[in-house]
């Protein structure tokens, strides 16, 4: 094995170990999701809800995004699929498009 291939092999092993060690639990995912929701409420990027009642609620949430995110988080259903190096989270809430997120490296990556 050459030096470069050994380096790549050891880097892959280290990366996999880091991913395994930093995979968020379901409770950590809920907190990360709540923080993400509060940020989106605060900057207005979440107000693409389907119905006017949800849009009105989110507009009222501008007053206290963190408290509103805690309230809205209760309406979100999450399906947490645990894998070896990461977790896949499917989040659904009435009036919003479903989100699929990847939980890894102490972060939540959503599309």
N, C-alpha and C. Protein backbone atom coordinates (compact mmCIF):
# COMPACT_ATOMS: atom_id res chain seq x y z
N UNK A 1 0.85 -1.19 0.00
CA UNK A 1 0.00 0.00 0.00
C UNK A 1 0.89 1.24 0.00
N UNK A 2 0.57 2.17 -0.89
CA UNK A 2 1.35 3.39 -0.96
C UNK A 2 0.98 4.36 0.15
N UNK A 3 1.79 5.36 0.31
CA UNK A 3 1.57 6.37 1.35
C UNK A 3 0.24 7.09 1.17
N UNK A 4 -0.09 7.44 -0.07
CA UNK A 4 -1.35 8.15 -0.33
C UNK A 4 -2.55 7.27 -0.02
N UNK A 5 -2.52 6.01 -0.43
CA UNK A 5 -3.66 5.14 -0.17
C UNK A 5 -3.81 4.85 1.33
N UNK A 6 -2.69 4.75 2.05
CA UNK A 6 -2.76 4.57 3.51
C UNK A 6 -3.38 5.81 4.17
N UNK A 7 -2.97 6.98 3.71
CA UNK A 7 -3.49 8.23 4.25
C UNK A 7 -5.00 8.34 4.02
N UNK A 8 -5.43 8.00 2.81
CA UNK A 8 -6.86 8.04 2.48
C UNK A 8 -7.62 7.02 3.33
N UNK A 9 -7.07 5.82 3.48
CA UNK A 9 -7.70 4.78 4.29
C UNK A 9 -7.86 5.24 5.74
N UNK A 10 -6.80 5.76 6.33
CA UNK A 10 -6.87 6.22 7.73
C UNK A 10 -7.79 7.43 7.89
N UNK A 11 -7.81 8.31 6.89
CA UNK A 11 -8.72 9.46 6.94
C UNK A 11 -10.18 8.99 6.88
N UNK A 12 -10.46 7.98 6.07
CA UNK A 12 -11.82 7.44 5.99
C UNK A 12 -12.23 6.80 7.32
N UNK A 13 -11.31 6.07 7.94
CA UNK A 13 -11.59 5.45 9.24
C UNK A 13 -11.84 6.54 10.30
N UNK A 14 -11.02 7.57 10.30
CA UNK A 14 -11.18 8.67 11.26
C UNK A 14 -12.50 9.40 11.02
N UNK A 15 -12.86 9.62 9.76
CA UNK A 15 -14.12 10.28 9.44
C UNK A 15 -15.32 9.46 9.89
N UNK A 16 -15.25 8.16 9.66
CA UNK A 16 -16.35 7.28 10.09
C UNK A 16 -16.47 7.27 11.61
N UNK A 17 -15.33 7.24 12.30
CA UNK A 17 -15.36 7.28 13.77
C UNK A 17 -15.94 8.58 14.29
N UNK A 18 -15.58 9.69 13.65
CA UNK A 18 -16.12 10.99 14.06
C UNK A 18 -17.62 11.05 13.81
N UNK A 19 -18.07 10.53 12.67
CA UNK A 19 -19.50 10.52 12.36
C UNK A 19 -20.26 9.69 13.39
N UNK A 20 -19.73 8.52 13.73
CA UNK A 20 -20.38 7.65 14.71
C UNK A 20 -20.46 8.32 16.08
N UNK A 21 -19.37 8.97 16.47
CA UNK A 21 -19.30 9.59 17.80
C UNK A 21 -20.15 10.84 17.93
N UNK A 22 -20.46 11.49 16.82
CA UNK A 22 -21.18 12.77 16.88
C UNK A 22 -22.60 12.69 16.30
N UNK A 23 -23.11 11.47 16.08
CA UNK A 23 -24.48 11.33 15.57
C UNK A 23 -25.47 11.78 16.65
N UNK A 24 -26.32 12.78 16.35
CA UNK A 24 -27.27 13.27 17.34
C UNK A 24 -28.35 12.23 17.69
N UNK A 25 -28.72 12.18 18.95
CA UNK A 25 -29.82 11.33 19.40
C UNK A 25 -31.14 11.99 18.99
N UNK A 26 -32.24 11.28 19.20
CA UNK A 26 -33.56 11.85 18.85
C UNK A 26 -33.84 13.12 19.67
N UNK A 27 -33.43 13.14 20.92
CA UNK A 27 -33.65 14.34 21.74
C UNK A 27 -32.81 15.52 21.24
N UNK A 28 -31.57 15.24 20.83
CA UNK A 28 -30.72 16.29 20.27
C UNK A 28 -31.28 16.78 18.93
N UNK A 29 -31.85 15.86 18.14
CA UNK A 29 -32.46 16.23 16.86
C UNK A 29 -33.64 17.15 17.10
N UNK A 30 -34.46 16.84 18.09
CA UNK A 30 -35.60 17.72 18.40
C UNK A 30 -35.13 19.12 18.77
N UNK A 31 -34.07 19.22 19.57
CA UNK A 31 -33.54 20.54 19.94
C UNK A 31 -32.96 21.26 18.72
N UNK A 32 -32.21 20.55 17.89
CA UNK A 32 -31.66 21.14 16.67
C UNK A 32 -32.78 21.61 15.74
N UNK A 33 -33.84 20.82 15.63
CA UNK A 33 -34.97 21.18 14.78
C UNK A 33 -35.67 22.42 15.32
N UNK A 34 -35.84 22.47 16.65
CA UNK A 34 -36.47 23.63 17.28
C UNK A 34 -35.65 24.90 17.04
N UNK A 35 -34.34 24.80 17.16
CA UNK A 35 -33.47 25.96 16.91
C UNK A 35 -33.56 26.39 15.44
N UNK A 36 -33.58 25.43 14.54
CA UNK A 36 -33.69 25.72 13.11
C UNK A 36 -35.03 26.39 12.81
N UNK A 37 -36.09 25.90 13.42
CA UNK A 37 -37.43 26.46 13.25
C UNK A 37 -37.47 27.91 13.74
N UNK A 38 -36.89 28.16 14.91
CA UNK A 38 -36.87 29.52 15.47
C UNK A 38 -36.11 30.48 14.54
N UNK A 39 -35.00 30.02 13.99
CA UNK A 39 -34.22 30.85 13.06
C UNK A 39 -35.03 31.17 11.81
N UNK A 40 -35.73 30.16 11.27
CA UNK A 40 -36.52 30.36 10.06
C UNK A 40 -37.73 31.27 10.32
N UNK A 41 -38.31 31.18 11.49
CA UNK A 41 -39.42 32.08 11.85
C UNK A 41 -38.90 33.51 11.95
N UNK A 42 -37.76 33.65 12.62
CA UNK A 42 -37.17 34.97 12.84
C UNK A 42 -36.79 35.67 11.54
N UNK A 43 -36.20 34.92 10.60
CA UNK A 43 -35.77 35.57 9.34
C UNK A 43 -36.85 35.54 8.25
N UNK A 44 -38.01 34.93 8.57
CA UNK A 44 -39.14 34.95 7.64
C UNK A 44 -39.07 33.94 6.52
N UNK A 45 -38.08 33.07 6.53
CA UNK A 45 -37.93 32.10 5.43
C UNK A 45 -38.91 30.94 5.53
N UNK A 46 -39.62 30.79 6.63
CA UNK A 46 -40.53 29.66 6.78
C UNK A 46 -41.96 30.00 6.36
N UNK A 47 -42.27 31.26 6.14
CA UNK A 47 -43.65 31.68 5.88
C UNK A 47 -44.08 31.32 4.46
N UNK A 48 -43.82 30.10 4.05
CA UNK A 48 -44.32 29.59 2.78
C UNK A 48 -45.35 28.51 3.04
N UNK A 49 -46.08 28.66 4.14
CA UNK A 49 -47.10 27.70 4.53
C UNK A 49 -48.24 27.72 3.52
N UNK A 50 -48.95 26.61 3.46
CA UNK A 50 -50.01 26.44 2.47
C UNK A 50 -51.28 27.23 2.76
N UNK A 51 -51.66 27.35 4.02
CA UNK A 51 -52.93 27.98 4.32
C UNK A 51 -52.77 29.30 5.07
N UNK A 52 -53.78 30.14 4.99
CA UNK A 52 -53.69 31.48 5.59
C UNK A 52 -53.65 31.43 7.11
N UNK A 53 -54.29 30.43 7.72
CA UNK A 53 -54.25 30.33 9.19
C UNK A 53 -52.83 30.07 9.67
N UNK A 54 -52.11 29.21 8.98
CA UNK A 54 -50.72 28.93 9.35
C UNK A 54 -49.85 30.16 9.12
N UNK A 55 -50.09 30.88 8.04
CA UNK A 55 -49.34 32.10 7.77
C UNK A 55 -49.60 33.15 8.85
N UNK A 56 -50.84 33.26 9.30
CA UNK A 56 -51.17 34.22 10.36
C UNK A 56 -50.47 33.83 11.67
N UNK A 57 -50.47 32.53 11.99
CA UNK A 57 -49.80 32.07 13.20
C UNK A 57 -48.31 32.39 13.13
N UNK A 58 -47.70 32.13 11.99
CA UNK A 58 -46.27 32.40 11.85
C UNK A 58 -45.97 33.89 11.90
N UNK A 59 -46.85 34.71 11.36
CA UNK A 59 -46.66 36.15 11.44
C UNK A 59 -46.71 36.61 12.90
N UNK A 60 -47.64 36.05 13.67
CA UNK A 60 -47.72 36.36 15.10
C UNK A 60 -46.48 35.86 15.84
N UNK A 61 -45.88 34.82 15.33
CA UNK A 61 -44.69 34.24 15.97
C UNK A 61 -43.47 35.14 15.86
N UNK A 62 -43.50 36.11 14.99
CA UNK A 62 -42.35 37.01 14.84
C UNK A 62 -42.02 37.71 16.16
N UNK A 63 -43.01 37.84 17.05
CA UNK A 63 -42.80 38.51 18.33
C UNK A 63 -41.83 37.73 19.21
N UNK A 64 -42.01 36.40 19.28
CA UNK A 64 -41.13 35.56 20.08
C UNK A 64 -40.84 34.25 19.35
N UNK A 65 -39.88 34.25 18.43
CA UNK A 65 -39.60 33.07 17.63
C UNK A 65 -39.24 31.83 18.45
N UNK A 66 -38.48 31.98 19.52
CA UNK A 66 -38.08 30.81 20.31
C UNK A 66 -39.28 30.16 20.99
N UNK A 67 -40.16 30.97 21.61
CA UNK A 67 -41.35 30.41 22.24
C UNK A 67 -42.28 29.80 21.22
N UNK A 68 -42.42 30.45 20.08
CA UNK A 68 -43.28 29.94 19.03
C UNK A 68 -42.73 28.63 18.47
N UNK A 69 -41.43 28.53 18.32
CA UNK A 69 -40.82 27.30 17.82
C UNK A 69 -41.09 26.14 18.76
N UNK A 70 -41.05 26.41 20.08
CA UNK A 70 -41.37 25.36 21.05
C UNK A 70 -42.82 24.92 20.89
N UNK A 71 -43.71 25.87 20.67
CA UNK A 71 -45.13 25.57 20.48
C UNK A 71 -45.35 24.78 19.18
N UNK A 72 -44.76 25.24 18.10
CA UNK A 72 -44.93 24.58 16.81
C UNK A 72 -44.28 23.20 16.78
N UNK A 73 -43.20 23.03 17.52
CA UNK A 73 -42.49 21.75 17.53
C UNK A 73 -43.41 20.63 18.01
N UNK A 74 -44.37 20.96 18.87
CA UNK A 74 -45.32 19.96 19.34
C UNK A 74 -46.25 19.47 18.24
N UNK A 75 -46.44 20.26 17.20
CA UNK A 75 -47.30 19.87 16.08
C UNK A 75 -46.53 19.12 15.00
N UNK A 76 -45.23 19.04 15.15
CA UNK A 76 -44.39 18.37 14.15
C UNK A 76 -44.22 16.91 14.53
N UNK A 77 -44.52 16.02 13.58
CA UNK A 77 -44.26 14.60 13.83
C UNK A 77 -42.92 14.26 13.18
N UNK A 78 -42.10 13.53 13.92
CA UNK A 78 -40.77 13.17 13.43
C UNK A 78 -40.62 11.66 13.42
N UNK A 79 -40.08 11.19 12.33
CA UNK A 79 -39.72 9.78 12.23
C UNK A 79 -38.20 9.72 12.18
N UNK A 80 -37.61 9.09 13.19
CA UNK A 80 -36.15 9.03 13.35
C UNK A 80 -35.68 7.63 12.95
N UNK A 81 -34.90 7.55 11.88
CA UNK A 81 -34.34 6.27 11.43
C UNK A 81 -32.86 6.27 11.74
N UNK A 82 -32.47 5.42 12.67
CA UNK A 82 -31.09 5.38 13.17
C UNK A 82 -30.24 4.47 12.29
N UNK A 83 -29.15 5.01 11.77
CA UNK A 83 -28.18 4.24 11.01
C UNK A 83 -26.85 4.31 11.73
N UNK A 84 -25.89 3.55 11.29
CA UNK A 84 -24.62 3.44 12.00
C UNK A 84 -23.90 4.78 12.13
N UNK A 85 -23.79 5.53 11.04
CA UNK A 85 -23.01 6.77 11.07
C UNK A 85 -23.84 8.04 11.08
N UNK A 86 -25.14 7.92 10.85
CA UNK A 86 -26.02 9.09 10.81
C UNK A 86 -27.45 8.63 11.07
N UNK A 87 -28.36 9.59 11.11
CA UNK A 87 -29.78 9.28 11.25
C UNK A 87 -30.54 10.08 10.20
N UNK A 88 -31.61 9.51 9.71
CA UNK A 88 -32.47 10.21 8.76
C UNK A 88 -33.74 10.58 9.51
N UNK A 89 -34.15 11.84 9.40
CA UNK A 89 -35.31 12.34 10.11
C UNK A 89 -36.32 12.85 9.09
N UNK A 90 -37.54 12.31 9.14
CA UNK A 90 -38.63 12.81 8.31
C UNK A 90 -39.54 13.62 9.22
N UNK A 91 -39.70 14.90 8.93
CA UNK A 91 -40.52 15.79 9.75
C UNK A 91 -41.75 16.23 8.94
N UNK A 92 -42.91 16.15 9.58
CA UNK A 92 -44.16 16.56 8.94
C UNK A 92 -44.96 17.43 9.91
N UNK A 93 -45.57 18.47 9.35
CA UNK A 93 -46.42 19.36 10.14
C UNK A 93 -47.59 19.79 9.26
N UNK A 94 -48.77 19.95 9.88
CA UNK A 94 -49.93 20.39 9.10
C UNK A 94 -49.68 21.76 8.46
N UNK A 95 -49.98 21.87 7.17
CA UNK A 95 -49.83 23.13 6.46
C UNK A 95 -48.45 23.36 5.86
N UNK A 96 -47.51 22.46 6.08
CA UNK A 96 -46.15 22.61 5.58
C UNK A 96 -45.77 21.39 4.75
N UNK A 97 -44.84 21.60 3.83
CA UNK A 97 -44.31 20.48 3.06
C UNK A 97 -43.44 19.63 3.98
N UNK A 98 -43.46 18.30 3.80
CA UNK A 98 -42.60 17.44 4.63
C UNK A 98 -41.13 17.75 4.38
N UNK A 99 -40.32 17.57 5.39
CA UNK A 99 -38.88 17.80 5.30
C UNK A 99 -38.16 16.50 5.61
N UNK A 100 -37.12 16.23 4.87
CA UNK A 100 -36.25 15.11 5.21
C UNK A 100 -34.89 15.68 5.56
N UNK A 101 -34.37 15.24 6.70
CA UNK A 101 -33.11 15.78 7.20
C UNK A 101 -32.14 14.64 7.50
N UNK A 102 -30.88 14.96 7.45
CA UNK A 102 -29.82 14.03 7.83
C UNK A 102 -29.20 14.57 9.11
N UNK A 103 -29.14 13.74 10.13
CA UNK A 103 -28.54 14.13 11.41
C UNK A 103 -27.17 13.46 11.51
N UNK A 104 -26.12 14.28 11.50
CA UNK A 104 -24.76 13.77 11.60
C UNK A 104 -23.84 14.89 12.04
N UNK A 105 -22.72 14.51 12.64
CA UNK A 105 -21.71 15.48 13.08
C UNK A 105 -22.33 16.59 13.94
N UNK A 106 -23.22 16.23 14.85
CA UNK A 106 -23.89 17.18 15.75
C UNK A 106 -24.67 18.26 15.02
N UNK A 107 -25.12 17.98 13.81
CA UNK A 107 -25.86 18.94 13.00
C UNK A 107 -27.07 18.28 12.37
N UNK A 108 -27.94 19.14 11.88
CA UNK A 108 -29.14 18.69 11.18
C UNK A 108 -29.12 19.34 9.79
N UNK A 109 -29.00 18.52 8.76
CA UNK A 109 -28.94 18.99 7.39
C UNK A 109 -30.27 18.67 6.71
N UNK A 110 -31.03 19.69 6.33
CA UNK A 110 -32.35 19.50 5.73
C UNK A 110 -32.36 20.06 4.31
N UNK A 111 -33.21 19.46 3.49
CA UNK A 111 -33.37 20.03 2.14
C UNK A 111 -34.72 20.65 2.02
